[in-house]
Amino acid sequence: MMPVAERKTKHPYISIDPKIAGGQPVISGTRIKVMDIVIKYEFMGWSADSIVDEYPQLKLEQVHDALSYYYEHKEIFDRKYREDQSFLASLKKQFPSKLKAKIG
């Protein structure tokens, strides 16, 4: 079996490598997933500048490229997000918080 090489995208700051983050798109040279940037921007309401404050190793253009990549693949990302949220909800039902039960 031939090794799978890192794929290039038309986004200079985004890379996909099966050995990094399970093959999810990341900011090149980091393990910061595009999805992490998207969640902060889209769902938590952070600005791109706030994201750079949170991840000082990133440049603003990297954050904007991650968001651009997201918008080009929005349907795929949104479906993955919904699936992940559904999975987490089922885990919470299956394994309720012991701490929450104690403090009731």
PDB file of N, CA and C in Angstrom:
ATOM      1  N   MET A   1       0.840  -1.178   0.000  1.00  0.00           N
ATOM      2  CA  MET A   1       0.000   0.000   0.000  1.00  0.00           C
ATOM      3  C   MET A   1       0.885   1.242   0.000  1.00  0.00           C
ATOM      4  N   MET A   2       0.571   2.154  -0.907  1.00  0.00           N
ATOM      5  CA  MET A   2       1.378   3.372  -1.021  1.00  0.00           C
ATOM      6  C   MET A   2       0.960   4.368   0.056  1.00  0.00           C
ATOM      7  N   PRO A   3       1.936   5.083   0.626  1.00  0.00           N
ATOM      8  CA  PRO A   3       1.580   6.080   1.634  1.00  0.00           C
ATOM      9  C   PRO A   3       0.753   7.200   1.009  1.00  0.00           C
ATOM     10  N   VAL A   4      -0.183   7.722   1.773  1.00  0.00           N
ATOM     11  CA  VAL A   4      -1.010   8.810   1.290  1.00  0.00           C
ATOM     12  C   VAL A   4      -0.281  10.115   1.586  1.00  0.00           C
ATOM     13  N   ALA A   5      -0.048  10.886   0.547  1.00  0.00           N
ATOM     14  CA  ALA A   5       0.679  12.148   0.702  1.00  0.00           C
ATOM     15  C   ALA A   5      -0.278  13.256   1.114  1.00  0.00           C
ATOM     16  N   GLU A   6       0.286  14.283   1.693  1.00  0.00           N
ATOM     17  CA  GLU A   6      -0.511  15.443   2.055  1.00  0.00           C
ATOM     18  C   GLU A   6      -1.104  16.035   0.787  1.00  0.00           C
ATOM     19  N   ARG A   7      -2.394  16.376   0.859  1.00  0.00           N
ATOM     20  CA  ARG A   7      -3.051  16.985  -0.291  1.00  0.00           C
ATOM     21  C   ARG A   7      -2.944  18.500  -0.214  1.00  0.00           C
ATOM     22  N   LYS A   8      -2.737  19.120  -1.352  1.00  0.00           N
ATOM     23  CA  LYS A   8      -2.700  20.580  -1.428  1.00  0.00           C
ATOM     24  C   LYS A   8      -4.103  21.073  -1.761  1.00  0.00           C
ATOM     25  N   THR A   9      -4.451  22.230  -1.254  1.00  0.00           N
ATOM     26  CA  THR A   9      -5.728  22.846  -1.584  1.00  0.00           C
ATOM     27  C   THR A   9      -5.441  24.178  -2.259  1.00  0.00           C
ATOM     28  N   LYS A  10      -6.491  24.808  -2.765  1.00  0.00           N
ATOM     29  CA  LYS A  10      -6.282  26.130  -3.347  1.00  0.00           C
ATOM     30  C   LYS A  10      -6.207  27.198  -2.269  1.00  0.00           C
ATOM     31  N   HIS A  11      -6.245  26.748  -1.034  1.00  0.00           N
ATOM     32  CA  HIS A  11      -6.105  27.636   0.110  1.00  0.00           C
ATOM     33  C   HIS A  11      -4.688  27.470   0.653  1.00  0.00           C
ATOM     34  N   PRO A  12      -3.864  28.496   0.523  1.00  0.00           N
ATOM     35  CA  PRO A  12      -2.450  28.355   0.878  1.00  0.00           C
ATOM     36  C   PRO A  12      -2.181  28.061   2.356  1.00  0.00           C
ATOM     37  N   TYR A  13      -3.134  28.367   3.226  1.00  0.00           N
ATOM     38  CA  TYR A  13      -2.906  28.173   4.656  1.00  0.00           C
ATOM     39  C   TYR A  13      -3.605  26.934   5.208  1.00  0.00           C
ATOM     40  N   ILE A  14      -4.222  26.144   4.335  1.00  0.00           N
ATOM     41  CA  ILE A  14      -4.977  24.966   4.771  1.00  0.00           C
ATOM     42  C   ILE A  14      -4.326  23.717   4.197  1.00  0.00           C
ATOM     43  N   SER A  15      -4.197  22.693   5.028  1.00  0.00           N
ATOM     44  CA  SER A  15      -3.677  21.417   4.535  1.00  0.00           C
ATOM     45  C   SER A  15      -4.507  20.278   5.104  1.00  0.00           C
ATOM     46  N   ILE A  16      -4.456  19.168   4.383  1.00  0.00           N
ATOM     47  CA  ILE A  16      -5.156  17.954   4.794  1.00  0.00           C
ATOM     48  C   ILE A  16      -4.142  16.824   4.734  1.00  0.00           C
ATOM     49  N   ASP A  17      -3.879  16.249   5.889  1.00  0.00           N
ATOM     50  CA  ASP A  17      -2.914  15.159   5.992  1.00  0.00           C
ATOM     51  C   ASP A  17      -3.559  14.075   6.844  1.00  0.00           C
ATOM     52  N   PRO A  18      -3.646  12.852   6.327  1.00  0.00           N
ATOM     53  CA  PRO A  18      -4.297  11.790   7.106  1.00  0.00           C
ATOM     54  C   PRO A  18      -3.620  11.518   8.450  1.00  0.00           C
ATOM     55  N   LYS A  19      -2.383  11.969   8.621  1.00  0.00           N
ATOM     56  CA  LYS A  19      -1.661  11.745   9.875  1.00  0.00           C
ATOM     57  C   LYS A  19      -1.910  12.848  10.904  1.00  0.00           C
ATOM     58  N   ILE A  20      -2.585  13.908  10.497  1.00  0.00           N
ATOM     59  CA  ILE A  20      -2.825  15.047  11.393  1.00  0.00           C
ATOM     60  C   ILE A  20      -4.332  15.248  11.551  1.00  0.00           C
ATOM     61  N   ALA A  21      -4.795  15.269  12.788  1.00  0.00           N
ATOM     62  CA  ALA A  21      -6.204  15.534  13.119  1.00  0.00           C
ATOM     63  C   ALA A  21      -7.157  14.600  12.381  1.00  0.00           C
ATOM     64  N   GLY A  22      -6.731  13.366  12.185  1.00  0.00           N
ATOM     65  CA  GLY A  22      -7.605  12.395  11.532  1.00  0.00           C
ATOM     66  C   GLY A  22      -7.945  12.744  10.095  1.00  0.00           C
ATOM     67  N   GLY A  23      -7.097  13.542   9.467  1.00  0.00           N
ATOM     68  CA  GLY A  23      -7.339  13.906   8.070  1.00  0.00           C
ATOM     69  C   GLY A  23      -8.271  15.090   7.895  1.00  0.00           C
ATOM     70  N   GLN A  24      -8.643  15.724   8.994  1.00  0.00           N
ATOM     71  CA  GLN A  24      -9.478  16.922   8.890  1.00  0.00           C
ATOM     72  C   GLN A  24      -8.619  18.100   8.426  1.00  0.00           C
ATOM     73  N   PRO A  25      -9.214  19.055   7.725  1.00  0.00           N
ATOM     74  CA  PRO A  25      -8.456  20.237   7.296  1.00  0.00           C
ATOM     75  C   PRO A  25      -7.950  21.016   8.510  1.00  0.00           C
ATOM     76  N   VAL A  26      -6.681  21.396   8.454  1.00  0.00           N
ATOM     77  CA  VAL A  26      -6.051  22.164   9.528  1.00  0.00           C
ATOM     78  C   VAL A  26      -5.335  23.369   8.935  1.00  0.00           C
ATOM     79  N   ILE A  27      -4.982  24.293   9.810  1.00  0.00           N
ATOM     80  CA  ILE A  27      -4.130  25.408   9.395  1.00  0.00           C
ATOM     81  C   ILE A  27      -2.732  24.821   9.223  1.00  0.00           C
ATOM     82  N   SER A  28      -2.174  24.981   8.061  1.00  0.00           N
ATOM     83  CA  SER A  28      -0.875  24.386   7.728  1.00  0.00           C
ATOM     84  C   SER A  28       0.167  24.698   8.786  1.00  0.00           C
ATOM     85  N   GLY A  29       0.936  23.670   9.139  1.00  0.00           N
ATOM     86  CA  GLY A  29       2.001  23.817  10.112  1.00  0.00           C
ATOM     87  C   GLY A  29       1.511  23.783  11.551  1.00  0.00           C
ATOM     88  N   THR A  30       0.214  23.543  11.740  1.00  0.00           N
ATOM     89  CA  THR A  30      -0.356  23.466  13.088  1.00  0.00           C
ATOM     90  C   THR A  30      -1.262  22.242  13.156  1.00  0.00           C
ATOM     91  N   ARG A  31      -1.814  22.026  14.309  1.00  0.00           N
ATOM     92  CA  ARG A  31      -2.847  20.999  14.483  1.00  0.00           C
ATOM     93  C   ARG A  31      -4.201  21.660  14.758  1.00  0.00           C
ATOM     94  N   ILE A  32      -4.291  22.933  14.454  1.00  0.00           N
ATOM     95  CA  ILE A  32      -5.535  23.676  14.669  1.00  0.00           C
ATOM     96  C   ILE A  32      -6.472  23.391  13.507  1.00  0.00           C
ATOM     97  N   LYS A  33      -7.604  22.747  13.838  1.00  0.00           N
ATOM     98  CA  LYS A  33      -8.554  22.352  12.810  1.00  0.00           C
ATOM     99  C   LYS A  33      -9.362  23.554  12.331  1.00  0.00           C
ATOM    100  N   VAL A  34      -9.674  23.524  11.042  1.00  0.00           N
ATOM    101  CA  VAL A  34     -10.554  24.539  10.476  1.00  0.00           C
ATOM    102  C   VAL A  34     -11.852  24.569  11.276  1.00  0.00           C
ATOM    103  N   MET A  35     -12.351  23.389  11.656  1.00  0.00           N
ATOM    104  CA  MET A  35     -13.599  23.308  12.421  1.00  0.00           C
ATOM    105  C   MET A  35     -13.496  24.070  13.736  1.00  0.00           C
ATOM    106  N   ASP A  36     -12.331  24.057  14.391  1.00  0.00           N
ATOM    107  CA  ASP A  36     -12.151  24.803  15.643  1.00  0.00           C
ATOM    108  C   ASP A  36     -12.319  26.309  15.408  1.00  0.00           C
ATOM    109  N   ILE A  37     -11.770  26.782  14.303  1.00  0.00           N
ATOM    110  CA  ILE A  37     -11.889  28.196  13.942  1.00  0.00           C
ATOM    111  C   ILE A  37     -13.354  28.523  13.646  1.00  0.00           C
ATOM    112  N   VAL A  38     -13.998  27.652  12.878  1.00  0.00           N
ATOM    113  CA  VAL A  38     -15.392  27.856  12.482  1.00  0.00           C
ATOM    114  C   VAL A  38     -16.307  27.908  13.702  1.00  0.00           C
ATOM    115  N   ILE A  39     -16.126  26.999  14.647  1.00  0.00           N
ATOM    116  CA  ILE A  39     -16.978  26.973  15.842  1.00  0.00           C
ATOM    117  C   ILE A  39     -16.857  28.289  16.605  1.00  0.00           C
ATOM    118  N   LYS A  40     -15.648  28.770  16.755  1.00  0.00           N
ATOM    119  CA  LYS A  40     -15.452  30.027  17.480  1.00  0.00           C
ATOM    120  C   LYS A  40     -16.094  31.202  16.727  1.00  0.00           C
ATOM    121  N   TYR A  41     -15.956  31.213  15.406  1.00  0.00           N
ATOM    122  CA  TYR A  41     -16.462  32.320  14.601  1.00  0.00           C
ATOM    123  C   TYR A  41     -17.980  32.251  14.404  1.00  0.00           C
ATOM    124  N   GLU A  42     -18.457  31.114  13.926  1.00  0.00           N
ATOM    125  CA  GLU A  42     -19.863  30.970  13.558  1.00  0.00           C
ATOM    126  C   GLU A  42     -20.785  30.739  14.748  1.00  0.00           C
ATOM    127  N   PHE A  43     -20.382  29.900  15.666  1.00  0.00           N
ATOM    128  CA  PHE A  43     -21.276  29.473  16.737  1.00  0.00           C
ATOM    129  C   PHE A  43     -21.061  30.222  18.048  1.00  0.00           C
ATOM    130  N   MET A  44     -19.855  30.719  18.260  1.00  0.00           N
ATOM    131  CA  MET A  44     -19.581  31.438  19.506  1.00  0.00           C
ATOM    132  C   MET A  44     -19.542  32.957  19.292  1.00  0.00           C
ATOM    133  N   GLY A  45     -19.556  33.385  18.025  1.00  0.00           N
ATOM    134  CA  GLY A  45     -19.614  34.807  17.723  1.00  0.00           C
ATOM    135  C   GLY A  45     -18.312  35.567  17.878  1.00  0.00           C
ATOM    136  N   TRP A  46     -17.189  34.851  17.876  1.00  0.00           N
ATOM    137  CA  TRP A  46     -15.900  35.527  18.001  1.00  0.00           C
ATOM    138  C   TRP A  46     -15.549  36.212  16.679  1.00  0.00           C
ATOM    139  N   SER A  47     -14.801  37.287  16.766  1.00  0.00           N
ATOM    140  CA  SER A  47     -14.265  37.939  15.570  1.00  0.00           C
ATOM    141  C   SER A  47     -12.969  37.231  15.158  1.00  0.00           C
ATOM    142  N   ALA A  48     -12.540  37.476  13.938  1.00  0.00           N
ATOM    143  CA  ALA A  48     -11.266  36.899  13.475  1.00  0.00           C
ATOM    144  C   ALA A  48     -10.121  37.392  14.365  1.00  0.00           C
ATOM    145  N   ASP A  49     -10.172  38.650  14.773  1.00  0.00           N
ATOM    146  CA  ASP A  49      -9.133  39.194  15.663  1.00  0.00           C
ATOM    147  C   ASP A  49      -9.123  38.469  17.014  1.00  0.00           C
ATOM    148  N   SER A  50     -10.302  38.160  17.545  1.00  0.00           N
ATOM    149  CA  SER A  50     -10.383  37.431  18.814  1.00  0.00           C
ATOM    150  C   SER A  50      -9.793  36.035  18.688  1.00  0.00           C
ATOM    151  N   ILE A  51      -9.995  35.422  17.535  1.00  0.00           N
ATOM    152  CA  ILE A  51      -9.442  34.086  17.303  1.00  0.00           C
ATOM    153  C   ILE A  51      -7.915  34.152  17.292  1.00  0.00           C
ATOM    154  N   VAL A  52      -7.363  35.189  16.666  1.00  0.00           N
ATOM    155  CA  VAL A  52      -5.907  35.372  16.667  1.00  0.00           C
ATOM    156  C   VAL A  52      -5.409  35.626  18.088  1.00  0.00           C
ATOM    157  N   ASP A  53      -6.181  36.334  18.880  1.00  0.00           N
ATOM    158  CA  ASP A  53      -5.801  36.541  20.288  1.00  0.00           C
ATOM    159  C   ASP A  53      -5.754  35.206  21.025  1.00  0.00           C
ATOM    160  N   GLU A  54      -6.700  34.315  20.729  1.00  0.00           N
ATOM    161  CA  GLU A  54      -6.762  32.991  21.365  1.00  0.00           C
ATOM    162  C   GLU A  54      -5.621  32.085  20.892  1.00  0.00           C
ATOM    163  N   TYR A  55      -5.264  32.215  19.613  1.00  0.00           N
ATOM    164  CA  TYR A  55      -4.194  31.412  19.018  1.00  0.00           C
ATOM    165  C   TYR A  55      -3.112  32.366  18.494  1.00  0.00           C
ATOM    166  N   PRO A  56      -2.271  32.903  19.374  1.00  0.00           N
ATOM    167  CA  PRO A  56      -1.307  33.929  18.945  1.00  0.00           C
ATOM    168  C   PRO A  56      -0.294  33.442  17.907  1.00  0.00           C
ATOM    169  N   GLN A  57      -0.198  32.116  17.717  1.00  0.00           N
ATOM    170  CA  GLN A  57       0.712  31.610  16.697  1.00  0.00           C
ATOM    171  C   GLN A  57       0.133  31.771  15.286  1.00  0.00           C
ATOM    172  N   LEU A  58      -1.144  32.138  15.202  1.00  0.00           N
ATOM    173  CA  LEU A  58      -1.780  32.321  13.896  1.00  0.00           C
ATOM    174  C   LEU A  58      -1.728  33.770  13.455  1.00  0.00           C
ATOM    175  N   LYS A  59      -1.769  33.936  12.130  1.00  0.00           N
ATOM    176  CA  LYS A  59      -1.882  35.265  11.544  1.00  0.00           C
ATOM    177  C   LYS A  59      -3.319  35.430  11.063  1.00  0.00           C
ATOM    178  N   LEU A  60      -3.750  36.663  10.955  1.00  0.00           N
ATOM    179  CA  LEU A  60      -5.110  36.960  10.545  1.00  0.00           C
ATOM    180  C   LEU A  60      -5.452  36.330   9.190  1.00  0.00           C
ATOM    181  N   GLU A  61      -4.495  36.333   8.278  1.00  0.00           N
ATOM    182  CA  GLU A  61      -4.774  35.750   6.949  1.00  0.00           C
ATOM    183  C   GLU A  61      -5.025  34.240   7.031  1.00  0.00           C
ATOM    184  N   GLN A  62      -4.413  33.569   8.008  1.00  0.00           N
ATOM    185  CA  GLN A  62      -4.657  32.137   8.180  1.00  0.00           C
ATOM    186  C   GLN A  62      -6.094  31.895   8.650  1.00  0.00           C
ATOM    187  N   VAL A  63      -6.557  32.717   9.567  1.00  0.00           N
ATOM    188  CA  VAL A  63      -7.926  32.591  10.068  1.00  0.00           C
ATOM    189  C   VAL A  63      -8.918  32.858   8.945  1.00  0.00           C
ATOM    190  N   HIS A  64      -8.670  33.895   8.178  1.00  0.00           N
ATOM    191  CA  HIS A  64      -9.575  34.216   7.063  1.00  0.00           C
ATOM    192  C   HIS A  64      -9.568  33.106   6.008  1.00  0.00           C
ATOM    193  N   ASP A  65      -8.424  32.507   5.766  1.00  0.00           N
ATOM    194  CA  ASP A  65      -8.356  31.408   4.801  1.00  0.00           C
ATOM    195  C   ASP A  65      -9.142  30.203   5.322  1.00  0.00           C
ATOM    196  N   ALA A  66      -9.049  29.950   6.631  1.00  0.00           N
ATOM    197  CA  ALA A  66      -9.816  28.848   7.226  1.00  0.00           C
ATOM    198  C   ALA A  66     -11.310  29.103   7.062  1.00  0.00           C
ATOM    199  N   LEU A  67     -11.740  30.330   7.284  1.00  0.00           N
ATOM    200  CA  LEU A  67     -13.158  30.659   7.127  1.00  0.00           C
ATOM    201  C   LEU A  67     -13.588  30.563   5.670  1.00  0.00           C
ATOM    202  N   SER A  68     -12.736  30.992   4.757  1.00  0.00           N
ATOM    203  CA  SER A  68     -13.033  30.876   3.333  1.00  0.00           C
ATOM    204  C   SER A  68     -13.176  29.406   2.937  1.00  0.00           C
ATOM    205  N   TYR A  69     -12.279  28.584   3.447  1.00  0.00           N
ATOM    206  CA  TYR A  69     -12.344  27.137   3.172  1.00  0.00           C
ATOM    207  C   TYR A  69     -13.664  26.572   3.698  1.00  0.00           C
ATOM    208  N   TYR A  70     -14.043  27.002   4.894  1.00  0.00           N
ATOM    209  CA  TYR A  70     -15.315  26.553   5.473  1.00  0.00           C
ATOM    210  C   TYR A  70     -16.488  26.926   4.573  1.00  0.00           C
ATOM    211  N   TYR A  71     -16.553  28.182   4.145  1.00  0.00           N
ATOM    212  CA  TYR A  71     -17.693  28.620   3.337  1.00  0.00           C
ATOM    213  C   TYR A  71     -17.757  27.887   2.000  1.00  0.00           C
ATOM    214  N   GLU A  72     -16.629  27.499   1.465  1.00  0.00           N
ATOM    215  CA  GLU A  72     -16.617  26.724   0.219  1.00  0.00           C
ATOM    216  C   GLU A  72     -17.090  25.288   0.434  1.00  0.00           C
ATOM    217  N   HIS A  73     -16.983  24.794   1.671  1.00  0.00           N
ATOM    218  CA  HIS A  73     -17.356  23.412   1.994  1.00  0.00           C
ATOM    219  C   HIS A  73     -18.381  23.380   3.129  1.00  0.00           C
ATOM    220  N   LYS A  74     -19.190  24.421   3.214  1.00  0.00           N
ATOM    221  CA  LYS A  74     -20.102  24.634   4.337  1.00  0.00           C
ATOM    222  C   LYS A  74     -21.017  23.439   4.613  1.00  0.00           C
ATOM    223  N   GLU A  75     -21.598  22.882   3.588  1.00  0.00           N
ATOM    224  CA  GLU A  75     -22.536  21.773   3.785  1.00  0.00           C
ATOM    225  C   GLU A  75     -21.861  20.583   4.473  1.00  0.00           C
ATOM    226  N   ILE A  76     -20.656  20.269   4.064  1.00  0.00           N
ATOM    227  CA  ILE A  76     -19.917  19.141   4.652  1.00  0.00           C
ATOM    228  C   ILE A  76     -19.583  19.431   6.120  1.00  0.00           C
ATOM    229  N   PHE A  77     -19.073  20.637   6.387  1.00  0.00           N
ATOM    230  CA  PHE A  77     -18.720  21.014   7.759  1.00  0.00           C
ATOM    231  C   PHE A  77     -19.951  21.034   8.661  1.00  0.00           C
ATOM    232  N   ASP A  78     -21.044  21.609   8.154  1.00  0.00           N
ATOM    233  CA  ASP A  78     -22.252  21.707   8.964  1.00  0.00           C
ATOM    234  C   ASP A  78     -22.829  20.324   9.279  1.00  0.00           C
ATOM    235  N   ARG A  79     -22.786  19.428   8.314  1.00  0.00           N
ATOM    236  CA  ARG A  79     -23.265  18.066   8.548  1.00  0.00           C
ATOM    237  C   ARG A  79     -22.395  17.378   9.600  1.00  0.00           C
ATOM    238  N   LYS A  80     -21.076  17.536   9.506  1.00  0.00           N
ATOM    239  CA  LYS A  80     -20.151  16.941  10.481  1.00  0.00           C
ATOM    240  C   LYS A  80     -20.417  17.510  11.875  1.00  0.00           C
ATOM    241  N   TYR A  81     -20.657  18.802  11.949  1.00  0.00           N
ATOM    242  CA  TYR A  81     -20.938  19.442  13.242  1.00  0.00           C
ATOM    243  C   TYR A  81     -22.217  18.866  13.854  1.00  0.00           C
ATOM    244  N   ARG A  82     -23.277  18.754  13.045  1.00  0.00           N
ATOM    245  CA  ARG A  82     -24.537  18.193  13.544  1.00  0.00           C
ATOM    246  C   ARG A  82     -24.355  16.752  14.004  1.00  0.00           C
ATOM    247  N   GLU A  83     -23.602  15.970  13.237  1.00  0.00           N
ATOM    248  CA  GLU A  83     -23.346  14.571  13.613  1.00  0.00           C
ATOM    249  C   GLU A  83     -22.578  14.507  14.935  1.00  0.00           C
ATOM    250  N   ASP A  84     -21.569  15.346  15.078  1.00  0.00           N
ATOM    251  CA  ASP A  84     -20.780  15.367  16.318  1.00  0.00           C
ATOM    252  C   ASP A  84     -21.647  15.766  17.513  1.00  0.00           C
ATOM    253  N   GLN A  85     -22.509  16.771  17.329  1.00  0.00           N
ATOM    254  CA  GLN A  85     -23.386  17.210  18.414  1.00  0.00           C
ATOM    255  C   GLN A  85     -24.380  16.115  18.791  1.00  0.00           C
ATOM    256  N   SER A  86     -24.896  15.421  17.800  1.00  0.00           N
ATOM    257  CA  SER A  86     -25.837  14.329  18.044  1.00  0.00           C
ATOM    258  C   SER A  86     -25.147  13.199  18.811  1.00  0.00           C
ATOM    259  N   PHE A  87     -23.927  12.890  18.412  1.00  0.00           N
ATOM    260  CA  PHE A  87     -23.154  11.848  19.081  1.00  0.00           C
ATOM    261  C   PHE A  87     -22.885  12.217  20.540  1.00  0.00           C
ATOM    262  N   LEU A  88     -22.499  13.475  20.770  1.00  0.00           N
ATOM    263  CA  LEU A  88     -22.246  13.934  22.142  1.00  0.00           C
ATOM    264  C   LEU A  88     -23.514  13.874  22.989  1.00  0.00           C
ATOM    265  N   ALA A  89     -24.641  14.240  22.407  1.00  0.00           N
ATOM    266  CA  ALA A  89     -25.908  14.191  23.144  1.00  0.00           C
ATOM    267  C   ALA A  89     -26.248  12.753  23.533  1.00  0.00           C
ATOM    268  N   SER A  90     -26.008  11.813  22.629  1.00  0.00           N
ATOM    269  CA  SER A  90     -26.307  10.410  22.945  1.00  0.00           C
ATOM    270  C   SER A  90     -25.358   9.885  24.026  1.00  0.00           C
ATOM    271  N   LEU A  91     -24.109  10.316  23.998  1.00  0.00           N
ATOM    272  CA  LEU A  91     -23.171   9.921  25.054  1.00  0.00           C
ATOM    273  C   LEU A  91     -23.604  10.460  26.416  1.00  0.00           C
ATOM    274  N   LYS A  92     -24.080  11.718  26.444  1.00  0.00           N
ATOM    275  CA  LYS A  92     -24.522  12.312  27.699  1.00  0.00           C
ATOM    276  C   LYS A  92     -25.711  11.549  28.276  1.00  0.00           C
ATOM    277  N   LYS A  93     -26.604  11.079  27.396  1.00  0.00           N
ATOM    278  CA  LYS A  93     -27.747  10.293  27.869  1.00  0.00           C
ATOM    279  C   LYS A  93     -27.288   8.939  28.395  1.00  0.00           C
ATOM    280  N   GLN A  94     -26.336   8.344  27.668  1.00  0.00           N
ATOM    281  CA  GLN A  94     -25.849   7.019  28.031  1.00  0.00           C
ATOM    282  C   GLN A  94     -24.982   7.055  29.292  1.00  0.00           C
ATOM    283  N   PHE A  95     -24.217   8.120  29.441  1.00  0.00           N
ATOM    284  CA  PHE A  95     -23.303   8.250  30.580  1.00  0.00           C
ATOM    285  C   PHE A  95     -23.541   9.590  31.278  1.00  0.00           C
ATOM    286  N   PRO A  96     -24.600   9.683  32.088  1.00  0.00           N
ATOM    287  CA  PRO A  96     -24.896  10.960  32.746  1.00  0.00           C
ATOM    288  C   PRO A  96     -23.778  11.367  33.706  1.00  0.00           C
ATOM    289  N   SER A  97     -23.688  12.631  33.947  1.00  0.00           N
ATOM    290  CA  SER A  97     -22.662  13.190  34.822  1.00  0.00           C
ATOM    291  C   SER A  97     -22.855  12.715  36.255  1.00  0.00           C
ATOM    292  N   LYS A  98     -21.842  12.095  36.814  1.00  0.00           N
ATOM    293  CA  LYS A  98     -21.901  11.654  38.222  1.00  0.00           C
ATOM    294  C   LYS A  98     -21.854  12.873  39.147  1.00  0.00           C
ATOM    295  N   LEU A  99     -21.096  13.876  38.758  1.00  0.00           N
ATOM    296  CA  LEU A  99     -20.997  15.092  39.563  1.00  0.00           C
ATOM    297  C   LEU A  99     -22.343  15.805  39.624  1.00  0.00           C
ATOM    298  N   LYS A 100     -23.007  15.923  38.477  1.00  0.00           N
ATOM    299  CA  LYS A 100     -24.302  16.568  38.426  1.00  0.00           C
ATOM    300  C   LYS A 100     -25.309  15.835  39.310  1.00  0.00           C
ATOM    301  N   ALA A 101     -25.269  14.518  39.301  1.00  0.00           N
ATOM    302  CA  ALA A 101     -26.167  13.706  40.123  1.00  0.00           C
ATOM    303  C   ALA A 101     -25.897  13.943  41.614  1.00  0.00           C
ATOM    304  N   LYS A 102     -24.617  14.084  41.969  1.00  0.00           N
ATOM    305  CA  LYS A 102     -24.260  14.296  43.392  1.00  0.00           C
ATOM    306  C   LYS A 102     -24.716  15.661  43.893  1.00  0.00           C
ATOM    307  N   ILE A 103     -24.520  16.689  43.059  1.00  0.00           N
ATOM    308  CA  ILE A 103     -24.860  18.028  43.526  1.00  0.00           C
ATOM    309  C   ILE A 103     -26.306  18.390  43.210  1.00  0.00           C
ATOM    310  N   GLY A 104     -26.949  17.561  42.350  1.00  0.00           N
ATOM    311  CA  GLY A 104     -28.370  17.620  42.035  1.00  0.00           C
ATOM    312  C   GLY A 104     -28.884  18.966  41.857  1.00  0.00           C
TER     313      GLY A 104
END
